[in-house]
């Protein structure tokens, strides 16, 4: 398994640990002009949960892989947090913001995998 796939799996695990909802992975590696290999998109019900989801990603990825994001934005408002791990970009939204920006449709040609919600 490649390093990027291990990173994607670790991020997904971190999001599931904090009950992230509607998690999808988008493989962008075959798309010309993409800014990374994968997008991971999910949502939390409130800004507090969005913040907890980003903290979970930060902590688990560092614990398992000793990697920190190259950048992260949106932490203060916690309505849309974007984290950049170079080959993987994570977008964590509150539902209304996710619906408004609809990133899934911007990259509609990507190979999309839906991750089941953990109840």
N, C-alpha and C. Protein backbone atom coordinates (compact mmCIF):
# COMPACT_ATOMS: atom_id res chain seq x y z
N UNK A 1 0.85 -1.18 0.00
CA UNK A 1 0.00 0.00 0.00
C UNK A 1 0.88 1.23 0.00
N UNK A 2 0.59 2.19 -0.87
CA UNK A 2 1.40 3.38 -0.98
C UNK A 2 1.21 4.33 0.20
N UNK A 3 2.18 5.24 0.34
CA UNK A 3 2.14 6.20 1.45
C UNK A 3 0.88 7.06 1.42
N UNK A 4 0.48 7.50 0.24
CA UNK A 4 -0.70 8.34 0.15
C UNK A 4 -1.95 7.58 0.58
N UNK A 5 -2.07 6.32 0.17
CA UNK A 5 -3.23 5.51 0.56
C UNK A 5 -3.25 5.29 2.07
N UNK A 6 -2.11 5.09 2.67
CA UNK A 6 -2.03 4.93 4.13
C UNK A 6 -2.48 6.23 4.81
N UNK A 7 -2.06 7.36 4.26
CA UNK A 7 -2.49 8.66 4.79
C UNK A 7 -4.00 8.81 4.68
N UNK A 8 -4.57 8.48 3.53
CA UNK A 8 -6.03 8.56 3.33
C UNK A 8 -6.75 7.67 4.34
N UNK A 9 -6.28 6.45 4.53
CA UNK A 9 -6.92 5.53 5.48
C UNK A 9 -6.83 6.04 6.91
N UNK A 10 -5.70 6.64 7.26
CA UNK A 10 -5.52 7.17 8.62
C UNK A 10 -6.44 8.36 8.86
N UNK A 11 -6.55 9.24 7.88
CA UNK A 11 -7.44 10.40 8.00
C UNK A 11 -8.89 9.93 8.13
N UNK A 12 -9.28 8.98 7.30
CA UNK A 12 -10.64 8.44 7.36
C UNK A 12 -10.92 7.84 8.74
N UNK A 13 -9.98 7.11 9.27
CA UNK A 13 -10.13 6.52 10.61
C UNK A 13 -10.33 7.63 11.66
N UNK A 14 -9.54 8.69 11.56
CA UNK A 14 -9.65 9.79 12.52
C UNK A 14 -11.01 10.46 12.43
N UNK A 15 -11.52 10.63 11.22
CA UNK A 15 -12.84 11.25 11.04
C UNK A 15 -13.95 10.35 11.59
N UNK A 16 -13.82 9.06 11.38
CA UNK A 16 -14.83 8.13 11.89
C UNK A 16 -14.81 8.06 13.42
N UNK A 17 -13.63 8.20 14.01
CA UNK A 17 -13.53 8.15 15.47
C UNK A 17 -14.36 9.24 16.14
N UNK A 18 -14.49 10.39 15.47
CA UNK A 18 -15.26 11.51 16.02
C UNK A 18 -16.62 11.65 15.36
N UNK A 19 -17.07 10.55 14.75
CA UNK A 19 -18.41 10.49 14.15
C UNK A 19 -18.64 11.49 13.03
N UNK A 20 -17.60 11.70 12.20
CA UNK A 20 -17.78 12.52 11.00
C UNK A 20 -18.85 11.89 10.11
N UNK A 21 -19.62 12.71 9.45
CA UNK A 21 -20.73 12.23 8.62
C UNK A 21 -20.46 12.48 7.14
N UNK A 22 -21.06 11.60 6.33
CA UNK A 22 -20.99 11.72 4.86
C UNK A 22 -19.54 11.87 4.37
N UNK A 23 -18.67 11.01 4.86
CA UNK A 23 -17.26 11.04 4.47
C UNK A 23 -17.13 10.47 3.06
N UNK A 24 -16.41 11.20 2.22
CA UNK A 24 -16.08 10.67 0.90
C UNK A 24 -14.60 10.91 0.63
N UNK A 25 -14.02 10.01 -0.14
CA UNK A 25 -12.67 10.22 -0.66
C UNK A 25 -12.80 10.38 -2.17
N UNK A 26 -12.05 11.32 -2.71
CA UNK A 26 -12.07 11.57 -4.14
C UNK A 26 -10.65 11.41 -4.67
N UNK A 27 -10.46 10.40 -5.50
CA UNK A 27 -9.15 10.17 -6.10
C UNK A 27 -9.02 11.09 -7.31
N UNK A 28 -8.16 12.09 -7.18
CA UNK A 28 -7.97 13.08 -8.24
C UNK A 28 -6.71 12.82 -9.06
N UNK A 29 -6.01 11.74 -8.76
CA UNK A 29 -4.68 11.51 -9.35
C UNK A 29 -4.71 11.36 -10.86
N UNK A 30 -5.83 10.96 -11.43
CA UNK A 30 -5.92 10.79 -12.89
C UNK A 30 -6.44 12.04 -13.59
N UNK A 31 -6.80 13.07 -12.82
CA UNK A 31 -7.38 14.27 -13.41
C UNK A 31 -6.31 15.32 -13.67
N UNK A 32 -6.29 15.81 -14.89
CA UNK A 32 -5.32 16.83 -15.27
C UNK A 32 -5.62 18.13 -14.51
N UNK A 33 -4.58 18.74 -13.98
CA UNK A 33 -4.71 20.02 -13.30
C UNK A 33 -5.14 19.94 -11.85
N UNK A 34 -5.24 18.73 -11.30
CA UNK A 34 -5.64 18.63 -9.89
C UNK A 34 -4.50 19.10 -8.99
N UNK A 35 -4.87 19.64 -7.84
CA UNK A 35 -3.88 20.22 -6.93
C UNK A 35 -3.32 19.21 -5.94
N UNK A 36 -3.90 18.03 -5.90
CA UNK A 36 -3.42 16.97 -5.01
C UNK A 36 -3.91 15.64 -5.56
N UNK A 37 -3.55 14.56 -4.87
CA UNK A 37 -3.98 13.24 -5.33
C UNK A 37 -5.37 12.86 -4.80
N UNK A 38 -5.69 13.32 -3.59
CA UNK A 38 -6.98 13.00 -2.97
C UNK A 38 -7.58 14.21 -2.28
N UNK A 39 -8.89 14.31 -2.37
CA UNK A 39 -9.70 15.16 -1.50
C UNK A 39 -10.42 14.21 -0.55
N UNK A 40 -10.51 14.59 0.69
CA UNK A 40 -11.39 13.90 1.63
C UNK A 40 -12.35 14.97 2.14
N UNK A 41 -13.63 14.68 2.03
CA UNK A 41 -14.65 15.64 2.42
C UNK A 41 -15.56 14.97 3.46
N UNK A 42 -15.88 15.72 4.52
CA UNK A 42 -16.83 15.21 5.49
C UNK A 42 -17.50 16.39 6.18
N UNK A 43 -18.42 16.08 7.07
CA UNK A 43 -19.09 17.14 7.79
C UNK A 43 -19.31 16.75 9.24
N UNK A 44 -19.41 17.80 10.06
CA UNK A 44 -19.81 17.68 11.45
C UNK A 44 -21.07 18.50 11.63
N UNK A 45 -21.84 18.19 12.63
CA UNK A 45 -23.12 18.86 12.83
C UNK A 45 -23.00 20.30 13.30
N UNK A 46 -21.92 20.61 14.02
CA UNK A 46 -21.73 21.94 14.61
C UNK A 46 -20.28 22.37 14.44
N UNK A 47 -19.99 23.67 14.61
CA UNK A 47 -18.59 24.09 14.59
C UNK A 47 -17.73 23.36 15.63
N UNK A 48 -18.30 23.04 16.77
CA UNK A 48 -17.55 22.31 17.80
C UNK A 48 -17.14 20.93 17.28
N UNK A 49 -18.06 20.24 16.61
CA UNK A 49 -17.72 18.92 16.06
C UNK A 49 -16.73 19.05 14.91
N UNK A 50 -16.88 20.07 14.07
CA UNK A 50 -15.94 20.29 12.97
C UNK A 50 -14.53 20.47 13.54
N UNK A 51 -14.42 21.24 14.60
CA UNK A 51 -13.13 21.45 15.25
C UNK A 51 -12.58 20.15 15.82
N UNK A 52 -13.45 19.37 16.47
CA UNK A 52 -13.02 18.08 17.03
C UNK A 52 -12.56 17.13 15.93
N UNK A 53 -13.22 17.16 14.78
CA UNK A 53 -12.81 16.30 13.65
C UNK A 53 -11.42 16.69 13.16
N UNK A 54 -11.16 17.98 13.02
CA UNK A 54 -9.83 18.40 12.55
C UNK A 54 -8.76 18.06 13.59
N UNK A 55 -9.08 18.22 14.87
CA UNK A 55 -8.13 17.85 15.92
C UNK A 55 -7.82 16.36 15.87
N UNK A 56 -8.84 15.55 15.62
CA UNK A 56 -8.66 14.11 15.54
C UNK A 56 -7.74 13.73 14.38
N UNK A 57 -7.94 14.38 13.23
CA UNK A 57 -7.07 14.12 12.07
C UNK A 57 -5.64 14.51 12.42
N UNK A 58 -5.46 15.72 12.92
CA UNK A 58 -4.13 16.21 13.28
C UNK A 58 -3.43 15.22 14.21
N UNK A 59 -4.13 14.82 15.28
CA UNK A 59 -3.52 13.96 16.30
C UNK A 59 -3.21 12.57 15.78
N UNK A 60 -4.16 11.91 15.10
CA UNK A 60 -3.95 10.53 14.67
C UNK A 60 -2.90 10.44 13.57
N UNK A 61 -2.92 11.37 12.63
CA UNK A 61 -1.92 11.35 11.56
C UNK A 61 -0.52 11.56 12.15
N UNK A 62 -0.41 12.45 13.12
CA UNK A 62 0.90 12.65 13.73
C UNK A 62 1.32 11.42 14.54
N UNK A 63 0.38 10.86 15.30
CA UNK A 63 0.68 9.69 16.12
C UNK A 63 1.13 8.51 15.28
N UNK A 64 0.42 8.23 14.19
CA UNK A 64 0.71 7.04 13.38
C UNK A 64 1.80 7.26 12.33
N UNK A 65 1.81 8.46 11.72
CA UNK A 65 2.69 8.67 10.56
C UNK A 65 3.74 9.75 10.78
N UNK A 66 3.66 10.43 11.91
CA UNK A 66 4.60 11.53 12.22
C UNK A 66 4.58 12.63 11.17
N UNK A 67 3.38 12.90 10.65
CA UNK A 67 3.21 13.98 9.67
C UNK A 67 2.29 15.04 10.24
N UNK A 68 2.60 16.29 9.92
CA UNK A 68 1.74 17.42 10.27
C UNK A 68 1.28 18.05 8.96
N UNK A 69 0.12 18.71 8.98
CA UNK A 69 -0.33 19.36 7.75
C UNK A 69 0.61 20.50 7.36
N UNK A 70 0.73 20.72 6.06
CA UNK A 70 1.52 21.84 5.56
C UNK A 70 0.81 23.15 5.84
N UNK A 71 -0.49 23.08 5.98
CA UNK A 71 -1.29 24.26 6.29
C UNK A 71 -2.68 23.83 6.70
N UNK A 72 -3.33 24.71 7.44
CA UNK A 72 -4.72 24.48 7.84
C UNK A 72 -5.38 25.84 8.01
N UNK A 73 -6.58 25.97 7.49
CA UNK A 73 -7.32 27.23 7.58
C UNK A 73 -8.74 26.96 8.06
N UNK A 74 -9.33 27.99 8.66
CA UNK A 74 -10.70 27.91 9.11
C UNK A 74 -10.88 27.44 10.53
N UNK A 75 -9.79 27.29 11.26
CA UNK A 75 -9.85 26.74 12.62
C UNK A 75 -10.66 27.63 13.57
N UNK A 76 -10.56 28.92 13.41
CA UNK A 76 -11.24 29.83 14.35
C UNK A 76 -12.75 29.74 14.23
N UNK A 77 -13.27 29.85 12.99
CA UNK A 77 -14.72 29.82 12.81
C UNK A 77 -15.26 28.39 12.82
N UNK A 78 -14.46 27.45 12.37
CA UNK A 78 -14.80 26.02 12.35
C UNK A 78 -16.11 25.72 11.62
N UNK A 79 -16.35 26.46 10.54
CA UNK A 79 -17.49 26.13 9.68
C UNK A 79 -17.02 25.38 8.45
N UNK A 80 -15.79 25.65 8.04
CA UNK A 80 -15.12 24.92 6.96
C UNK A 80 -13.64 24.94 7.28
N UNK A 81 -13.13 23.81 7.65
CA UNK A 81 -11.70 23.68 7.92
C UNK A 81 -11.08 22.90 6.77
N UNK A 82 -10.03 23.46 6.20
CA UNK A 82 -9.27 22.79 5.15
C UNK A 82 -7.87 22.49 5.69
N UNK A 83 -7.43 21.26 5.51
CA UNK A 83 -6.10 20.84 5.95
C UNK A 83 -5.35 20.28 4.74
N UNK A 84 -4.11 20.70 4.58
CA UNK A 84 -3.30 20.33 3.42
C UNK A 84 -2.14 19.44 3.86
N UNK A 85 -2.19 18.18 3.44
CA UNK A 85 -1.10 17.25 3.69
C UNK A 85 -0.27 17.00 2.41
N UNK A 86 -0.33 17.92 1.49
CA UNK A 86 0.44 17.80 0.25
C UNK A 86 -0.28 16.96 -0.78
N UNK A 87 -0.26 15.66 -0.62
CA UNK A 87 -0.93 14.77 -1.56
C UNK A 87 -2.41 14.61 -1.24
N UNK A 88 -2.81 15.02 -0.04
CA UNK A 88 -4.19 14.88 0.41
C UNK A 88 -4.68 16.19 1.01
N UNK A 89 -5.86 16.64 0.56
CA UNK A 89 -6.52 17.81 1.14
C UNK A 89 -7.79 17.34 1.83
N UNK A 90 -7.99 17.82 3.07
CA UNK A 90 -9.19 17.46 3.82
C UNK A 90 -10.06 18.69 3.94
N UNK A 91 -11.35 18.51 3.71
CA UNK A 91 -12.34 19.58 3.86
C UNK A 91 -13.40 19.10 4.84
N UNK A 92 -13.52 19.80 5.96
CA UNK A 92 -14.49 19.44 7.00
C UNK A 92 -15.46 20.61 7.13
N UNK A 93 -16.73 20.34 6.90
CA UNK A 93 -17.75 21.38 6.83
C UNK A 93 -18.84 21.20 7.88
N UNK A 94 -19.56 22.30 8.17
CA UNK A 94 -20.89 22.16 8.73
C UNK A 94 -21.80 21.93 7.53
N UNK A 95 -22.96 21.29 7.71
CA UNK A 95 -23.78 20.88 6.56
C UNK A 95 -24.15 22.00 5.59
N UNK A 96 -24.52 23.17 6.10
CA UNK A 96 -24.97 24.25 5.21
C UNK A 96 -23.85 24.74 4.29
N UNK A 97 -22.65 24.83 4.83
CA UNK A 97 -21.50 25.30 4.03
C UNK A 97 -21.11 24.24 3.01
N UNK A 98 -21.16 22.98 3.42
CA UNK A 98 -20.84 21.91 2.46
C UNK A 98 -21.82 21.94 1.29
N UNK A 99 -23.09 22.08 1.60
CA UNK A 99 -24.10 22.11 0.54
C UNK A 99 -23.89 23.32 -0.38
N UNK A 100 -23.57 24.46 0.18
CA UNK A 100 -23.40 25.68 -0.60
C UNK A 100 -22.23 25.55 -1.59
N UNK A 101 -21.07 25.09 -1.11
CA UNK A 101 -19.89 25.01 -1.98
C UNK A 101 -19.87 23.76 -2.86
N UNK A 102 -20.49 22.69 -2.41
CA UNK A 102 -20.68 21.49 -3.23
C UNK A 102 -19.42 21.05 -3.98
N UNK A 103 -18.34 20.86 -3.23
CA UNK A 103 -17.06 20.47 -3.84
C UNK A 103 -17.15 19.16 -4.62
N UNK A 104 -18.04 18.28 -4.19
CA UNK A 104 -18.17 17.00 -4.88
C UNK A 104 -18.47 17.20 -6.37
N UNK A 105 -19.29 18.19 -6.70
CA UNK A 105 -19.63 18.42 -8.10
C UNK A 105 -18.53 19.13 -8.87
N UNK A 106 -17.69 19.90 -8.19
CA UNK A 106 -16.58 20.55 -8.88
C UNK A 106 -15.60 19.53 -9.45
N UNK A 107 -15.46 18.41 -8.76
CA UNK A 107 -14.54 17.35 -9.18
C UNK A 107 -15.33 16.10 -9.54
N UNK A 108 -16.40 16.26 -10.27
CA UNK A 108 -17.32 15.17 -10.58
C UNK A 108 -16.67 14.03 -11.37
N UNK A 109 -15.56 14.30 -12.05
CA UNK A 109 -14.88 13.26 -12.83
C UNK A 109 -13.99 12.37 -11.97
N UNK A 110 -13.83 12.71 -10.70
CA UNK A 110 -12.96 11.94 -9.82
C UNK A 110 -13.60 10.60 -9.46
N UNK A 111 -12.75 9.67 -9.07
CA UNK A 111 -13.21 8.38 -8.56
C UNK A 111 -13.61 8.59 -7.10
N UNK A 112 -14.90 8.50 -6.80
CA UNK A 112 -15.43 8.82 -5.48
C UNK A 112 -15.74 7.54 -4.71
N UNK A 113 -15.32 7.51 -3.45
CA UNK A 113 -15.64 6.42 -2.55
C UNK A 113 -16.38 7.00 -1.34
N UNK A 114 -17.57 6.47 -1.08
CA UNK A 114 -18.33 6.89 0.09
C UNK A 114 -17.98 5.98 1.25
N UNK A 115 -17.65 6.59 2.38
CA UNK A 115 -17.30 5.85 3.59
C UNK A 115 -18.56 5.80 4.46
N UNK A 116 -18.96 4.62 4.90
CA UNK A 116 -20.19 4.52 5.71
C UNK A 116 -20.06 5.28 7.03
N UNK A 117 -21.16 5.93 7.43
CA UNK A 117 -21.20 6.59 8.74
C UNK A 117 -21.15 5.54 9.83
N UNK A 118 -20.48 5.86 10.92
CA UNK A 118 -20.48 5.00 12.09
C UNK A 118 -21.56 5.52 13.02
N UNK A 119 -22.45 4.67 13.43
CA UNK A 119 -23.56 5.10 14.28
C UNK A 119 -23.19 5.07 15.73
